[in-house]
Every structure is written in C-alpha cells, then in structure tokens.
Amino acid sequence: MPVIHDLFQDLKISKEDIQQKRTKDPLLDSLINKYSQVDAEVVKAESAQSDAPSDDALKKLKEKRVQVKQKIVDRLQT
C-alpha cells in the first residue's frame, strides 16, 4: 500500500521551523519542492494498476527520493 512520507516527521523538525528556513534558503526550498514531487511520483507508481512501472523503475524512484532527502539533511546541517 502506497504511503506518503512525512518529511518533517522523518527529519524530526516542525513545519514551522522548516518554513522559516525555506524562506531564507532558496536551495532548501527547491530541494523540499523536489522531494515532494518525487514522493508523489513514488506513491503514484506504487498505486498504479494497469500501467505499473517495473520493479527497477520503482526502485530508482525510491532511490531518487532518498538522495533528495539526504541533500535536504545536508543542507539543514550547514
């Protein structure tokens, strides 16, 4: 069953804190937008019936989501 990942819960940071950081950091804002987009693609692929992607394609999407999340974590730590 497809599940949308809650980035804020995963990062253990409040939405308010992230929002403040996003307004001051355009790169962070861009990364978070990208994460949301990739996460939506993963959920869509996981819930697809007739046009479901291959396991490899789904795995690559999930890896992309992890990579973007890691960039967000790195950015927050700088």
C-alpha atoms as a PDB file:
ATOM      1  CA  MET A   1       0.000   0.000   0.000  1.00  0.00           C
ATOM      2  CA  PRO A   2       1.459   3.364  -1.006  1.00  0.00           C
ATOM      3  CA  VAL A   3       2.325   5.736   1.807  1.00  0.00           C
ATOM      4  CA  ILE A   4       3.262   9.391   1.540  1.00  0.00           C
ATOM      5  CA  HIS A   5       6.400  10.005   3.565  1.00  0.00           C
ATOM      6  CA  ASP A   6       6.143  12.795   6.107  1.00  0.00           C
ATOM      7  CA  LEU A   7       9.415  14.609   5.557  1.00  0.00           C
ATOM      8  CA  PHE A   8       9.045  16.760   8.658  1.00  0.00           C
ATOM      9  CA  GLN A   9       8.481  13.762  10.916  1.00  0.00           C
ATOM     10  CA  ASP A  10      11.386  11.896   9.303  1.00  0.00           C
ATOM     11  CA  LEU A  11      13.682  14.865   9.909  1.00  0.00           C
ATOM     12  CA  LYS A  12      12.281  15.446  13.414  1.00  0.00           C
ATOM     13  CA  ILE A  13      11.689  19.111  12.657  1.00  0.00           C
ATOM     14  CA  SER A  14       8.487  21.113  12.819  1.00  0.00           C
ATOM     15  CA  LYS A  15       6.778  22.506   9.747  1.00  0.00           C
ATOM     16  CA  GLU A  16       7.195  25.987  11.204  1.00  0.00           C
ATOM     17  CA  ASP A  17      10.977  25.582  11.565  1.00  0.00           C
ATOM     18  CA  ILE A  18      11.276  24.264   8.025  1.00  0.00           C
ATOM     19  CA  GLN A  19       9.110  27.090   6.696  1.00  0.00           C
ATOM     20  CA  GLN A  20      11.382  29.673   8.324  1.00  0.00           C
ATOM     21  CA  LYS A  21      14.469  28.018   6.869  1.00  0.00           C
ATOM     22  CA  ARG A  22      12.853  27.716   3.421  1.00  0.00           C
ATOM     23  CA  THR A  23      12.128  31.440   3.238  1.00  0.00           C
ATOM     24  CA  LYS A  24      15.779  32.210   3.949  1.00  0.00           C
ATOM     25  CA  ASP A  25      17.287  29.487   1.747  1.00  0.00           C
ATOM     26  CA  PRO A  26      16.101  29.176  -1.872  1.00  0.00           C
ATOM     27  CA  LEU A  27      18.136  25.988  -2.408  1.00  0.00           C
ATOM     28  CA  LEU A  28      16.489  24.294   0.570  1.00  0.00           C
ATOM     29  CA  ASP A  29      13.087  25.411  -0.698  1.00  0.00           C
ATOM     30  CA  SER A  30      13.877  23.940  -4.108  1.00  0.00           C
ATOM     31  CA  LEU A  31      15.036  20.653  -2.583  1.00  0.00           C
ATOM     32  CA  ILE A  32      11.894  20.315  -0.482  1.00  0.00           C
ATOM     33  CA  ASN A  33       9.725  21.000  -3.528  1.00  0.00           C
ATOM     34  CA  LYS A  34      11.676  18.380  -5.457  1.00  0.00           C
ATOM     35  CA  TYR A  35      11.272  15.880  -2.613  1.00  0.00           C
ATOM     36  CA  SER A  36       7.511  16.410  -2.591  1.00  0.00           C
ATOM     37  CA  GLN A  37       7.378  15.887  -6.349  1.00  0.00           C
ATOM     38  CA  VAL A  38       9.447  12.687  -6.253  1.00  0.00           C
ATOM     39  CA  ASP A  39       7.475  11.355  -3.279  1.00  0.00           C
ATOM     40  CA  ALA A  40       4.244  11.929  -5.219  1.00  0.00           C
ATOM     41  CA  GLU A  41       5.733  10.038  -8.181  1.00  0.00           C
ATOM     42  CA  VAL A  42       6.642   7.107  -5.914  1.00  0.00           C
ATOM     43  CA  VAL A  43       3.147   6.995  -4.405  1.00  0.00           C
ATOM     44  CA  LYS A  44       1.585   7.167  -7.869  1.00  0.00           C
ATOM     45  CA  ALA A  45       3.847   4.371  -9.138  1.00  0.00           C
ATOM     46  CA  GLU A  46       3.104   2.212  -6.092  1.00  0.00           C
ATOM     47  CA  SER A  47      -0.645   2.608  -6.547  1.00  0.00           C
ATOM     48  CA  ALA A  48      -0.658   2.083 -10.324  1.00  0.00           C
ATOM     49  CA  GLN A  49      -2.657  -0.847 -11.592  1.00  0.00           C
ATOM     50  CA  SER A  50      -2.530  -1.337 -15.354  1.00  0.00           C
ATOM     51  CA  ASP A  51       0.412   0.966 -16.085  1.00  0.00           C
ATOM     52  CA  ALA A  52       2.516  -0.010 -13.083  1.00  0.00           C
ATOM     53  CA  PRO A  53       6.243   0.587 -13.541  1.00  0.00           C
ATOM     54  CA  SER A  54       8.746  -2.208 -13.369  1.00  0.00           C
ATOM     55  CA  ASP A  55      10.332  -3.061 -10.041  1.00  0.00           C
ATOM     56  CA  ASP A  56      13.583  -1.498 -11.269  1.00  0.00           C
ATOM     57  CA  ALA A  57      11.845   1.760 -12.213  1.00  0.00           C
ATOM     58  CA  LEU A  58      10.139   1.930  -8.826  1.00  0.00           C
ATOM     59  CA  LYS A  59      13.411   1.182  -7.061  1.00  0.00           C
ATOM     60  CA  LYS A  60      15.116   4.022  -8.967  1.00  0.00           C
ATOM     61  CA  LEU A  61      12.336   6.428  -7.991  1.00  0.00           C
ATOM     62  CA  LYS A  62      12.704   5.455  -4.338  1.00  0.00           C
ATOM     63  CA  GLU A  63      16.481   5.884  -4.558  1.00  0.00           C
ATOM     64  CA  LYS A  64      15.980   9.333  -6.063  1.00  0.00           C
ATOM     65  CA  ARG A  65      13.689  10.238  -3.146  1.00  0.00           C
ATOM     66  CA  VAL A  66      16.356   9.108  -0.656  1.00  0.00           C
ATOM     67  CA  GLN A  67      19.025  11.124  -2.485  1.00  0.00           C
ATOM     68  CA  VAL A  68      16.943  14.293  -2.389  1.00  0.00           C
ATOM     69  CA  LYS A  69      16.162  13.713   1.290  1.00  0.00           C
ATOM     70  CA  GLN A  70      19.874  13.347   2.015  1.00  0.00           C
ATOM     71  CA  LYS A  71      20.565  16.647   0.238  1.00  0.00           C
ATOM     72  CA  ILE A  72      17.921  18.269   2.443  1.00  0.00           C
ATOM     73  CA  VAL A  73      19.539  16.821   5.571  1.00  0.00           C
ATOM     74  CA  ASP A  74      22.958  18.019   4.414  1.00  0.00           C
ATOM     75  CA  ARG A  75      21.587  21.482   3.697  1.00  0.00           C
ATOM     76  CA  LEU A  76      19.933  21.720   7.103  1.00  0.00           C
ATOM     77  CA  GLN A  77      23.204  20.804   8.797  1.00  0.00           C
ATOM     78  CA  THR A  78      25.169  23.596   7.101  1.00  0.00           C
END
